[in-house]
């Protein structure tokens, strides 16, 4: 696999389109941090790290609206790819839907959202947009 983050986003996207309640994804430290951010921002209901085998996995409980049965995640978009890395300085960090969505960045101070990176005045690699 050449792009594990794109695989992570695709597994989430496919589970949402299929209407699944839980999706299981192979774990890595970067994927764990992205999952933590998604939970903090309210895009997923819950998550659990399962230590099985050398790599482990992440079980993610997806969040749906009880009335309309619509998922809280509308779109997942990969920005920086292995073939074309996208970096942004602290002043050029993109805003997603005028602040309604989030951009996840990998910075020198760890993985964080666009708002946290602006507050800390750090730039980094723009991994993905979520709204």
Protein backbone atom coordinates (compact mmCIF):
# COMPACT_ATOMS: atom_id res chain seq x y z
CA UNK A 1 0.00 0.00 0.00
CA UNK A 2 1.49 3.33 -1.03
CA UNK A 3 -0.90 5.73 0.72
CA UNK A 4 -2.25 4.49 4.07
CA UNK A 5 -4.09 7.76 4.83
CA UNK A 6 -6.02 7.56 1.55
CA UNK A 7 -6.86 3.94 2.42
CA UNK A 8 -8.11 5.07 5.86
CA UNK A 9 -10.33 7.77 4.34
CA UNK A 10 -11.63 5.39 1.66
CA UNK A 11 -12.57 2.75 4.24
CA UNK A 12 -14.47 5.40 6.22
CA UNK A 13 -16.16 6.72 3.05
CA UNK A 14 -17.19 3.21 1.93
CA UNK A 15 -18.56 2.30 5.39
CA UNK A 16 -20.62 5.51 5.45
CA UNK A 17 -22.04 4.88 1.97
CA UNK A 18 -22.89 1.28 2.90
CA UNK A 19 -24.59 2.43 6.11
CA UNK A 20 -22.34 0.46 8.46
CA UNK A 21 -22.31 1.30 12.16
CA UNK A 22 -18.71 0.13 12.80
CA UNK A 23 -15.65 0.05 10.56
CA UNK A 24 -12.34 -1.67 11.33
CA UNK A 25 -9.12 -0.15 9.96
CA UNK A 26 -5.47 -1.28 10.31
CA UNK A 27 -3.76 0.93 12.90
CA UNK A 28 -0.77 3.23 12.77
CA UNK A 29 0.21 6.14 14.99
CA UNK A 30 -0.88 8.72 12.39
CA UNK A 31 -4.26 7.00 11.90
CA UNK A 32 -4.75 6.90 15.68
CA UNK A 33 -4.17 10.66 15.89
CA UNK A 34 -6.57 11.36 13.00
CA UNK A 35 -9.19 9.16 14.70
CA UNK A 36 -8.69 11.03 17.99
CA UNK A 37 -9.26 14.36 16.22
CA UNK A 38 -12.40 13.07 14.46
CA UNK A 39 -13.78 11.97 17.85
CA UNK A 40 -12.91 15.29 19.56
CA UNK A 41 -14.62 17.28 16.80
CA UNK A 42 -17.74 15.09 16.89
CA UNK A 43 -17.49 13.43 13.47
CA UNK A 44 -17.45 9.89 14.89
CA UNK A 45 -19.31 8.41 17.86
CA UNK A 46 -16.49 6.41 19.48
CA UNK A 47 -13.33 4.43 18.74
CA UNK A 48 -11.27 1.64 20.24
CA UNK A 49 -7.71 0.49 19.58
CA UNK A 50 -7.47 -3.30 19.32
CA UNK A 51 -4.03 -4.86 19.80
CA UNK A 52 -4.15 -8.00 17.63
CA UNK A 53 -1.12 -9.10 15.68
CA UNK A 54 1.90 -6.93 14.94
CA UNK A 55 -0.04 -3.90 13.73
CA UNK A 56 -3.33 -3.82 15.58
CA UNK A 57 -6.51 -2.17 14.35
CA UNK A 58 -8.88 0.69 15.07
CA UNK A 59 -12.61 0.05 15.48
CA UNK A 60 -14.58 3.20 14.72
CA UNK A 61 -18.28 3.61 15.58
CA UNK A 62 -19.77 5.95 12.99
CA UNK A 63 -22.16 8.72 14.03
CA UNK A 64 -25.58 8.95 12.38
CA UNK A 65 -28.48 11.36 12.90
CA UNK A 66 -31.25 9.30 14.59
CA UNK A 67 -34.08 10.96 12.65
CA UNK A 68 -32.74 11.24 9.09
CA UNK A 69 -30.18 8.40 9.25
CA UNK A 70 -27.59 10.77 7.74
CA UNK A 71 -23.93 10.54 8.73
CA UNK A 72 -22.20 13.53 10.31
CA UNK A 73 -19.37 13.29 7.76
CA UNK A 74 -20.41 14.68 4.38
CA UNK A 75 -17.05 14.58 2.60
CA UNK A 76 -13.54 13.24 3.20
CA UNK A 77 -10.91 14.60 0.82
CA UNK A 78 -7.21 13.70 0.71
CA UNK A 79 -5.09 16.78 0.01
CA UNK A 80 -1.42 15.81 0.25
CA UNK A 81 -0.46 12.62 -1.56
CA UNK A 82 2.83 10.72 -1.68
CA UNK A 83 3.35 11.96 -5.24
CA UNK A 84 2.51 15.60 -4.50
CA UNK A 85 2.96 16.79 -0.94
CA UNK A 86 0.97 19.90 0.03
CA UNK A 87 2.53 22.09 2.71
CA UNK A 88 1.16 25.29 4.20
CA UNK A 89 2.78 27.89 6.40
CA UNK A 90 0.97 29.18 9.46
CA UNK A 91 -0.49 32.09 7.48
CA UNK A 92 -1.51 30.01 4.43
CA UNK A 93 -3.43 27.22 6.20
CA UNK A 94 -6.64 26.68 4.21
CA UNK A 95 -10.05 27.19 5.78
CA UNK A 96 -12.60 24.45 5.00
CA UNK A 97 -16.11 25.74 4.21
CA UNK A 98 -15.33 29.03 5.97
CA UNK A 99 -14.63 27.25 9.24
CA UNK A 100 -17.52 24.74 9.15
CA UNK A 101 -15.19 21.84 8.25
CA UNK A 102 -11.71 20.93 9.44
CA UNK A 103 -8.35 20.44 7.80
CA UNK A 104 -6.03 17.95 9.49
CA UNK A 105 -2.34 18.88 9.42
CA UNK A 106 0.82 17.02 10.34
CA UNK A 107 3.07 19.58 12.01
CA UNK A 108 6.30 19.58 13.97
CA UNK A 109 4.16 19.72 17.13
CA UNK A 110 2.05 16.70 16.15
CA UNK A 111 -1.14 16.05 14.22
CA UNK A 112 -3.73 18.81 14.71
CA UNK A 113 -6.60 20.70 13.12
CA UNK A 114 -6.24 23.87 11.08
CA UNK A 115 -7.56 26.04 13.94
CA UNK A 116 -5.09 24.61 16.47
CA UNK A 117 -2.20 25.12 14.00
CA UNK A 118 -3.21 28.75 13.44
CA UNK A 119 -3.41 29.35 17.20
CA UNK A 120 0.06 27.82 17.74
CA UNK A 121 1.39 29.62 14.62
CA UNK A 122 2.82 26.44 13.06
CA UNK A 123 2.52 25.15 9.52
CA UNK A 124 2.84 21.68 8.14
CA UNK A 125 1.60 19.10 5.68
CA UNK A 126 -2.14 19.36 4.94
CA UNK A 127 -3.30 15.73 5.14
CA UNK A 128 -7.06 15.98 4.49
CA UNK A 129 -10.26 18.03 4.57
CA UNK A 130 -13.33 16.79 6.46
CA UNK A 131 -16.80 18.30 6.49
